PDB file of N, CA and C in Angstrom:
ATOM      1  N   MET A   1       1.041  -0.911  -0.171  1.00  0.00           N
ATOM      2  CA  MET A   1      -0.144  -0.227   0.152  1.00  0.00           C
ATOM      3  C   MET A   1       0.918   1.436  -0.117  1.00  0.00           C
ATOM      4  N   ALA A   2       1.086   2.211  -0.668  1.00  0.00           N
ATOM      5  CA  ALA A   2       1.116   3.390  -0.981  1.00  0.00           C
ATOM      6  C   ALA A   2       1.119   4.462  -0.311  1.00  0.00           C
ATOM      7  N   THR A   3       1.663   5.156   0.572  1.00  0.00           N
ATOM      8  CA  THR A   3       1.442   6.180   1.786  1.00  0.00           C
ATOM      9  C   THR A   3       1.539   7.659   1.121  1.00  0.00           C
ATOM     10  N   GLU A   4       0.784   8.321   1.697  1.00  0.00           N
ATOM     11  CA  GLU A   4       0.153   9.622   0.878  1.00  0.00           C
ATOM     12  C   GLU A   4       1.649  10.338   1.459  1.00  0.00           C
ATOM     13  N   GLU A   5       2.071  11.296   0.453  1.00  0.00           N
ATOM     14  CA  GLU A   5       3.337  12.236   1.240  1.00  0.00           C
ATOM     15  C   GLU A   5       2.497  13.348   1.163  1.00  0.00           C
ATOM     16  N   ARG A   6       2.447  13.686   2.121  1.00  0.00           N
ATOM     17  CA  ARG A   6       2.464  14.888   3.216  1.00  0.00           C
ATOM     18  C   ARG A   6       3.485  15.726   3.146  1.00  0.00           C
ATOM     19  N   LYS A   7       3.141  17.010   3.248  1.00  0.00           N
ATOM     20  CA  LYS A   7       3.944  18.349   4.021  1.00  0.00           C
ATOM     21  C   LYS A   7       4.307  18.790   5.242  1.00  0.00           C
ATOM     22  N   PRO A   8       5.470  18.476   5.249  1.00  0.00           N
ATOM     23  CA  PRO A   8       5.494  19.100   7.031  1.00  0.00           C
ATOM     24  C   PRO A   8       5.715  21.051   7.015  1.00  0.00           C
ATOM     25  N   PHE A   9       4.975  20.930   7.950  1.00  0.00           N
ATOM     26  CA  PHE A   9       5.443  22.631   8.119  1.00  0.00           C
ATOM     27  C   PHE A   9       4.803  23.062   9.623  1.00  0.00           C
ATOM     28  N   LEU A  10       5.401  24.009   9.892  1.00  0.00           N
ATOM     29  CA  LEU A  10       5.358  24.330  11.420  1.00  0.00           C
ATOM     30  C   LEU A  10       4.558  25.373  11.435  1.00  0.00           C
ATOM     31  N   LEU A  11       3.355  25.115  12.468  1.00  0.00           N
ATOM     32  CA  LEU A  11       2.021  26.353  12.759  1.00  0.00           C
ATOM     33  C   LEU A  11       2.552  26.291  13.945  1.00  0.00           C
ATOM     34  N   ARG A  12       2.246  28.085  14.321  1.00  0.00           N
ATOM     35  CA  ARG A  12       2.280  28.966  15.521  1.00  0.00           C
ATOM     36  C   ARG A  12       0.964  29.397  15.788  1.00  0.00           C
ATOM     37  N   ILE A  13       0.404  28.938  17.075  1.00  0.00           N
ATOM     38  CA  ILE A  13      -1.138  28.901  17.409  1.00  0.00           C
ATOM     39  C   ILE A  13      -0.706  29.176  19.207  1.00  0.00           C
ATOM     40  N   PRO A  14      -1.635  30.745  19.414  1.00  0.00           N
ATOM     41  CA  PRO A  14      -2.166  30.836  20.584  1.00  0.00           C
ATOM     42  C   PRO A  14      -2.575  29.575  21.509  1.00  0.00           C
ATOM     43  N   PRO A  15      -1.697  29.403  22.837  1.00  0.00           N
ATOM     44  CA  PRO A  15      -1.870  28.808  23.543  1.00  0.00           C
ATOM     45  C   PRO A  15      -3.914  28.273  23.794  1.00  0.00           C
ATOM     46  N   ASP A  16      -4.598  28.956  24.022  1.00  0.00           N
ATOM     47  CA  ASP A  16      -6.063  28.916  24.197  1.00  0.00           C
ATOM     48  C   ASP A  16      -6.486  28.223  22.881  1.00  0.00           C
ATOM     49  N   LEU A  17      -6.243  28.346  21.628  1.00  0.00           N
ATOM     50  CA  LEU A  17      -6.598  28.108  20.492  1.00  0.00           C
ATOM     51  C   LEU A  17      -5.962  26.106  20.336  1.00  0.00           C
ATOM     52  N   TRP A  18      -4.863  25.768  21.174  1.00  0.00           N
ATOM     53  CA  TRP A  18      -4.532  24.881  20.749  1.00  0.00           C
ATOM     54  C   TRP A  18      -5.479  24.006  22.022  1.00  0.00           C
ATOM     55  N   LYS A  19      -5.721  24.470  23.066  1.00  0.00           N
ATOM     56  CA  LYS A  19      -6.643  23.818  24.029  1.00  0.00           C
ATOM     57  C   LYS A  19      -8.250  23.399  23.207  1.00  0.00           C
ATOM     58  N   GLU A  20      -8.326  24.289  22.833  1.00  0.00           N
ATOM     59  CA  GLU A  20      -9.672  24.246  22.127  1.00  0.00           C
ATOM     60  C   GLU A  20      -9.265  22.946  21.002  1.00  0.00           C
ATOM     61  N   LEU A  21      -8.590  23.182  19.889  1.00  0.00           N
ATOM     62  CA  LEU A  21      -8.623  22.124  18.927  1.00  0.00           C
ATOM     63  C   LEU A  21      -8.058  20.828  19.848  1.00  0.00           C
ATOM     64  N   GLU A  22      -7.402  20.621  21.069  1.00  0.00           N
ATOM     65  CA  GLU A  22      -7.228  19.611  21.391  1.00  0.00           C
ATOM     66  C   GLU A  22      -8.556  18.915  22.354  1.00  0.00           C
ATOM     67  N   ARG A  23      -9.370  20.148  22.610  1.00  0.00           N
ATOM     68  CA  ARG A  23     -10.628  19.281  23.511  1.00  0.00           C
ATOM     69  C   ARG A  23     -11.976  19.197  22.114  1.00  0.00           C
ATOM     70  N   TRP A  24     -11.794  19.758  20.971  1.00  0.00           N
ATOM     71  CA  TRP A  24     -12.461  19.332  19.848  1.00  0.00           C
ATOM     72  C   TRP A  24     -11.876  18.220  19.183  1.00  0.00           C
ATOM     73  N   ALA A  25     -10.932  18.010  18.783  1.00  0.00           N
ATOM     74  CA  ALA A  25     -10.019  16.447  18.128  1.00  0.00           C
ATOM     75  C   ALA A  25     -10.607  15.505  19.279  1.00  0.00           C
ATOM     76  N   GLU A  26     -10.174  15.780  20.908  1.00  0.00           N
ATOM     77  CA  GLU A  26     -10.673  14.777  21.746  1.00  0.00           C
ATOM     78  C   GLU A  26     -12.109  14.115  21.376  1.00  0.00           C
ATOM     79  N   VAL A  27     -13.115  15.067  21.221  1.00  0.00           N
ATOM     80  CA  VAL A  27     -14.291  14.737  20.747  1.00  0.00           C
ATOM     81  C   VAL A  27     -14.800  13.998  19.970  1.00  0.00           C
ATOM     82  N   GLU A  28     -13.904  14.437  18.551  1.00  0.00           N
ATOM     83  CA  GLU A  28     -14.548  13.872  17.385  1.00  0.00           C
ATOM     84  C   GLU A  28     -13.306  12.452  17.183  1.00  0.00           C
ATOM     85  N   LEU A  29     -12.493  12.332  18.322  1.00  0.00           N
ATOM     86  CA  LEU A  29     -11.474  10.863  17.934  1.00  0.00           C
ATOM     87  C   LEU A  29     -10.727  10.956  16.984  1.00  0.00           C
ATOM     88  N   ARG A  30      -9.882  12.313  16.835  1.00  0.00           N
ATOM     89  CA  ARG A  30      -8.668  12.621  16.006  1.00  0.00           C
ATOM     90  C   ARG A  30      -7.626  12.846  16.879  1.00  0.00           C
ATOM     91  N   SER A  31      -6.481  13.390  16.026  1.00  0.00           N
ATOM     92  CA  SER A  31      -5.835  14.250  16.627  1.00  0.00           C
ATOM     93  C   SER A  31      -5.443  15.350  16.650  1.00  0.00           C
ATOM     94  N   VAL A  32      -4.691  16.360  16.817  1.00  0.00           N
ATOM     95  CA  VAL A  32      -5.102  17.459  16.739  1.00  0.00           C
ATOM     96  C   VAL A  32      -4.455  18.101  15.224  1.00  0.00           C
ATOM     97  N   ASN A  33      -3.342  17.552  15.036  1.00  0.00           N
ATOM     98  CA  ASN A  33      -2.904  17.361  13.639  1.00  0.00           C
ATOM     99  C   ASN A  33      -3.892  17.054  12.456  1.00  0.00           C
ATOM    100  N   GLY A  34      -5.152  15.938  12.886  1.00  0.00           N
ATOM    101  CA  GLY A  34      -6.172  15.330  12.142  1.00  0.00           C
ATOM    102  C   GLY A  34      -7.017  16.377  12.203  1.00  0.00           C
ATOM    103  N   GLN A  35      -7.295  16.940  13.154  1.00  0.00           N
ATOM    104  CA  GLN A  35      -8.446  18.022  13.637  1.00  0.00           C
ATOM    105  C   GLN A  35      -8.225  19.088  12.133  1.00  0.00           C
ATOM    106  N   ILE A  36      -6.680  19.720  12.535  1.00  0.00           N
ATOM    107  CA  ILE A  36      -6.324  21.110  11.635  1.00  0.00           C
ATOM    108  C   ILE A  36      -6.599  20.642  10.460  1.00  0.00           C
ATOM    109  N   GLU A  37      -6.296  19.145   9.464  1.00  0.00           N
ATOM    110  CA  GLU A  37      -6.194  19.249   8.788  1.00  0.00           C
ATOM    111  C   GLU A  37      -7.934  18.653   7.834  1.00  0.00           C
ATOM    112  N   TYR A  38      -8.318  18.341   8.989  1.00  0.00           N
ATOM    113  CA  TYR A  38     -10.266  17.947   8.339  1.00  0.00           C
ATOM    114  C   TYR A  38     -10.692  19.648   8.552  1.00  0.00           C
ATOM    115  N   VAL A  39     -10.508  20.206   9.009  1.00  0.00           N
ATOM    116  CA  VAL A  39     -11.501  21.795   9.254  1.00  0.00           C
ATOM    117  C   VAL A  39     -11.017  22.348   7.860  1.00  0.00           C
ATOM    118  N   LEU A  40      -9.134  22.395   7.614  1.00  0.00           N
ATOM    119  CA  LEU A  40      -8.673  23.175   6.168  1.00  0.00           C
ATOM    120  C   LEU A  40      -9.195  22.051   5.213  1.00  0.00           C
ATOM    121  N   ARG A  41      -9.611  21.040   5.260  1.00  0.00           N
ATOM    122  CA  ARG A  41     -10.132  20.553   3.883  1.00  0.00           C
ATOM    123  C   ARG A  41     -11.503  21.156   3.841  1.00  0.00           C
ATOM    124  N   GLN A  42     -12.131  20.696   4.995  1.00  0.00           N
ATOM    125  CA  GLN A  42     -13.431  21.262   5.234  1.00  0.00           C
ATOM    126  C   GLN A  42     -13.659  22.905   4.302  1.00  0.00           C
ATOM    127  N   ALA A  43     -12.656  23.503   4.727  1.00  0.00           N
ATOM    128  CA  ALA A  43     -12.656  24.989   4.019  1.00  0.00           C
ATOM    129  C   ALA A  43     -12.431  25.311   2.771  1.00  0.00           C
ATOM    130  N   ALA A  44     -11.787  24.157   2.329  1.00  0.00           N
ATOM    131  CA  ALA A  44     -10.902  24.273   1.167  1.00  0.00           C
ATOM    132  C   ALA A  44     -12.024  23.716   0.164  1.00  0.00           C
ATOM    133  N   ASP A  45     -12.951  22.260   1.069  1.00  0.00           N
ATOM    134  CA  ASP A  45     -13.946  22.333  -0.144  1.00  0.00           C
ATOM    135  C   ASP A  45     -14.889  23.074   0.078  1.00  0.00           C
ATOM    136  N   LYS A  46     -15.320  24.138   1.054  1.00  0.00           N
ATOM    137  CA  LYS A  46     -16.697  24.846   0.509  1.00  0.00           C
ATOM    138  C   LYS A  46     -15.938  26.180  -0.171  1.00  0.00           C
ATOM    139  N   ARG A  47     -15.056  26.485  -0.251  1.00  0.00           N
ATOM    140  CA  ARG A  47     -14.729  27.649  -1.345  1.00  0.00           C
ATOM    141  C   ARG A  47     -14.867  27.225  -2.232  1.00  0.00           C
ATOM    142  N   LYS A  48     -14.329  25.973  -3.000  1.00  0.00           N
ATOM    143  CA  LYS A  48     -14.096  25.160  -4.232  1.00  0.00           C
ATOM    144  C   LYS A  48     -15.871  25.670  -4.604  1.00  0.00           C
ATOM    145  N   ARG A  49     -16.396  25.444  -3.622  1.00  0.00           N
ATOM    146  CA  ARG A  49     -18.268  25.205  -4.157  1.00  0.00           C
ATOM    147  C   ARG A  49     -18.672  26.332  -4.103  1.00  0.00           C
ATOM    148  N   THR A  50     -18.084  27.690  -3.728  1.00  0.00           N
ATOM    149  CA  THR A  50     -18.713  28.955  -3.764  1.00  0.00           C
ATOM    150  C   THR A  50     -18.029  29.386  -4.864  1.00  0.00           C
ATOM    151  N   GLN A  51     -16.721  29.082  -5.195  1.00  0.00           N
ATOM    152  CA  GLN A  51     -16.144  29.902  -6.389  1.00  0.00           C
ATOM    153  C   GLN A  51     -16.871  29.158  -7.866  1.00  0.00           C
ATOM    154  N   HIS A  52     -17.393  27.723  -7.434  1.00  0.00           N
ATOM    155  CA  HIS A  52     -17.625  27.252  -8.660  1.00  0.00           C
ATOM    156  C   HIS A  52     -19.167  28.040  -9.074  1.00  0.00           C
ATOM    157  N   ARG A  53     -20.456  28.307  -8.255  1.00  0.00           N
ATOM    158  CA  ARG A  53     -21.476  28.945  -8.289  1.00  0.00           C
ATOM    159  C   ARG A  53     -21.354  30.303  -8.595  1.00  0.00           C
ATOM    160  N   GLU A  54     -20.076  31.043  -8.369  1.00  0.00           N
ATOM    161  CA  GLU A  54     -19.983  32.559  -8.916  1.00  0.00           C
ATOM    162  C   GLU A  54     -19.795  32.361 -10.276  1.00  0.00           C
ATOM    163  N   LYS A  55     -19.348  31.673 -10.955  1.00  0.00           N
ATOM    164  CA  LYS A  55     -18.985  31.241 -12.238  1.00  0.00           C
ATOM    165  C   LYS A  55     -20.286  31.510 -13.265  1.00  0.00           C
TER     166      LYS A  55
END
């Protein structure tokens, strides 16, 4: 099984936001990294749908 390559990067966020992401990720049974990826993917998909309708 081939593994999907991922681009590593450093993200600096305030401690209060980190704690919120930890709580949210725990509720949804994800790691914080997985939760951030999920949220970003949802936002990107929403943006694509919005751009498609505007054309």
